Amino acid sequence: MTTLINEVINKNAFSLTERNEKTIKYLANFNNKTEVQAELIRAYLSSKDYDIEIIENELITNLLTNSNDEIFNYLVKLNRKWSLKDLELIFYSFLDRSTINNNGIIFTPSTVSDYITNQMINSIDVPDKLICDFSCGGGEFLISALKQLKLKFPTTPAIHFIENNLFGVDILSENVYSTKLLLSLQALEYKEDKEIIDFNIIQGDSTSSNILTNFNKLKKSEGFDFIVGNPPYVKFQELSLQQRKSLKESYTTCDSGNFNLFYAFIELSFNYLKEDGKIGYIIPNHLLKMQSAKSLRNFLLGEKLINKVIDFKDNQLFENAQTYSAIIFFDKKPKEEIVYKTVDKKINNGQIVQHLNDSNYQAIAYNHLNADSIHLLSKEDYLNIKSIENQKNNLRIMTGIATQKDSLYLINTTKEFNKNEQDKYFYKEFENEIYKIEKDITISIIKGSGEKKVDEATNFYEFNRIIYPYQLSDDKVVVISEKEMIQKYPETFKYFQVIRGELSKRNGGKPSVKVWYEYGRSQALNSFTPKIIFPTNSAKPNFTYFKDYALFNNGYAIFGTTSKNEIDLDILTKVLNSVVVEYYIKHTSYMISGGYYCYQKKYLSNFTIPDFSEEDMIFLKKSTSKEDINEFLIRKYNLLM
């Protein structure tokens, strides 16, 4: 049985006890999943003192016709109490890695599902609401909904709710089976049993246009009162070509860019929601900021569909997935503001409930938001961001060169055979062969993220060189012709001929070039002048001023501002490395992972630089105290900090 045993043990969203770890590892040795499930259910029922012989539910009785004495004896020796969550976790461990990745499956903490369903069900007065999870997985949200319904309406039978109120869809047949099985066991906990429960749990792709017709009990004109869940997170790159095509054609939230599968789930939920219904999802919080989610934000903001947001920032609720989350409630009712709160400090899973239940919410008006990026800001932060964005001068940010095959053009100057300064050639390795490259056709190049630092004391950076098949003509950069290349750089031309086949593979085999050996794109070919380089992902501002005559690639560089009186780049670097930029990015960009924020051009394009007086310039130029510079800039931007 191919499993995610180690991931489940080491990275699941719960602090598993040692006995859980041992159990999962032990059960991984058995290939017959049905026998494992049967013995787990037998152990669970025994720990609850149920008389297995009198159980009528055919789903359970059919499963218990399977047995494995070795597993049975092992579980008996454990002599432990079992919960439904234990079973769900072990069922999850049966899934192989590719199934989990391809379907965006994430194991949801009960605290999250209980909270979301409670927020829905606690507000109703009659037990007739229809609740659906369009990606129900192992049934976590539907089990939580059943528990909340029983708390609210204790006299209504649990099986009545299962048969009439709870609906679920999942693309995997094993998840549909697990959901039905766990709901049956939950009913037994309420001392309810029935030979055949008429479930509304179906296998299917919820993004297909006719999914509701598969529910026998649902009228075609009828929608759901509540839609809950943890929809699948599948990146654009991991979707099949057919999936991409289908989603683009069917959902406006997926009509452009590198969309994620969960965008479609949000949109389809509104298609099946009653006018007074509510949606409660836990989803990646990057939907508030990322460029790829702009169509989704247009959809949500245009109709004012977001009601409440709990943004967990960089707290990882799912340790089995590198995902930062937000709980978001949606509805179709008219509204003028979004209620929200953020959980900035690091919390453990035991503190989730405390943060969910506190009432420290703020509100932001819809007219303060736009689809470029949703910034959930307090009044003070809103004013600060406006002040930062409304100074006189924008940054001049450029992207680097794009060869579309860097490895064929870059020359590693740290190689021993390239350290002879008297040699008129560099040497380039390709497929275990060494080729001469005339030094005169190369130029220094800096990585857009900043080169590897060789010496901290001297701040010396290690540069590569790159083959540069261009020359200046009337202040314009033009590609060197083949004739001139053969005359002036014959060794480089020989090398180009060797790699011609590899160059032709660029841009999916259709390189958009006029001369076959030029770079894949014509951008930034004359970006030699001094520049400020910065990584696109960083925990704090990390801007470095390079005075060197060099190109750059793999990222962005800042060449100054739009000011008529050009600012000294050394001064601008100090501004960019200040607390003002750090504050701005933390409030307008999004967290990547490990405490790193995104510093892409999109998130710096609205950052502005004030006009500095001559006195200001002198101070910034001379000052070496970061604290003094920060205090000066806070005053200069008139920030409330």
Foldseek 3Di string as FASTA:
>chain_A
DAWPLVLLQPFFLDPDDPVLNVLLVVVVVDDPVLQLLLLVVVLQCVLVVHDVVPFQAQLNVVSVVHYDVVSNVVSVVVVDHDDLLSVLSSLNRVDHPCVCQLQQDFDADLLQLLLLLLVALVPDDDLQFAEEEAACFLNSNVLSNLVNSCVRPVVDQSLCCQQHHYAYEHQDPSSLSNNVVSSQVSSVVVVDHDNYRNGRYYYDNLLDPPVVVPRPPDDPVAAGQEYEEAHGWHWLVSDDPVVLVSCCVRDQQSVDDTDTPVLSVVVVNVVRHDQNHKYKYKYFPCCQADPSRLSSLCVCLVQVFWAEKEFAAFADSGSSDQGGIMITMTHRDDDFKHKYDYNPDHDGPVCPNVVSPDDPIDIDTSVLAHSNGGFPDDPQLSVLLCLQLPADKFFDKFAFFFLLCQLLWKAQCVDPQNVPPVDQWGWHDDPNDIFTWGPVQKFWEAELAGADQDDPVVSDHGIIITRHQWDADPNDIDGNDPVVCCVPIVRVVVSCVVCLVVLCPGPNNHQPDDDSNHGSDDTQSQVQAWWWGHRQKDLAQDIDTDRGRYGYHNAMITPFIPDPPTADVQLVSLVRRAVSVRSQQSRRFGHDHPNITGNHCSSRRSRGDHDDDPVRNVCSVPDPDRVVVRVVVCVVSVHDD
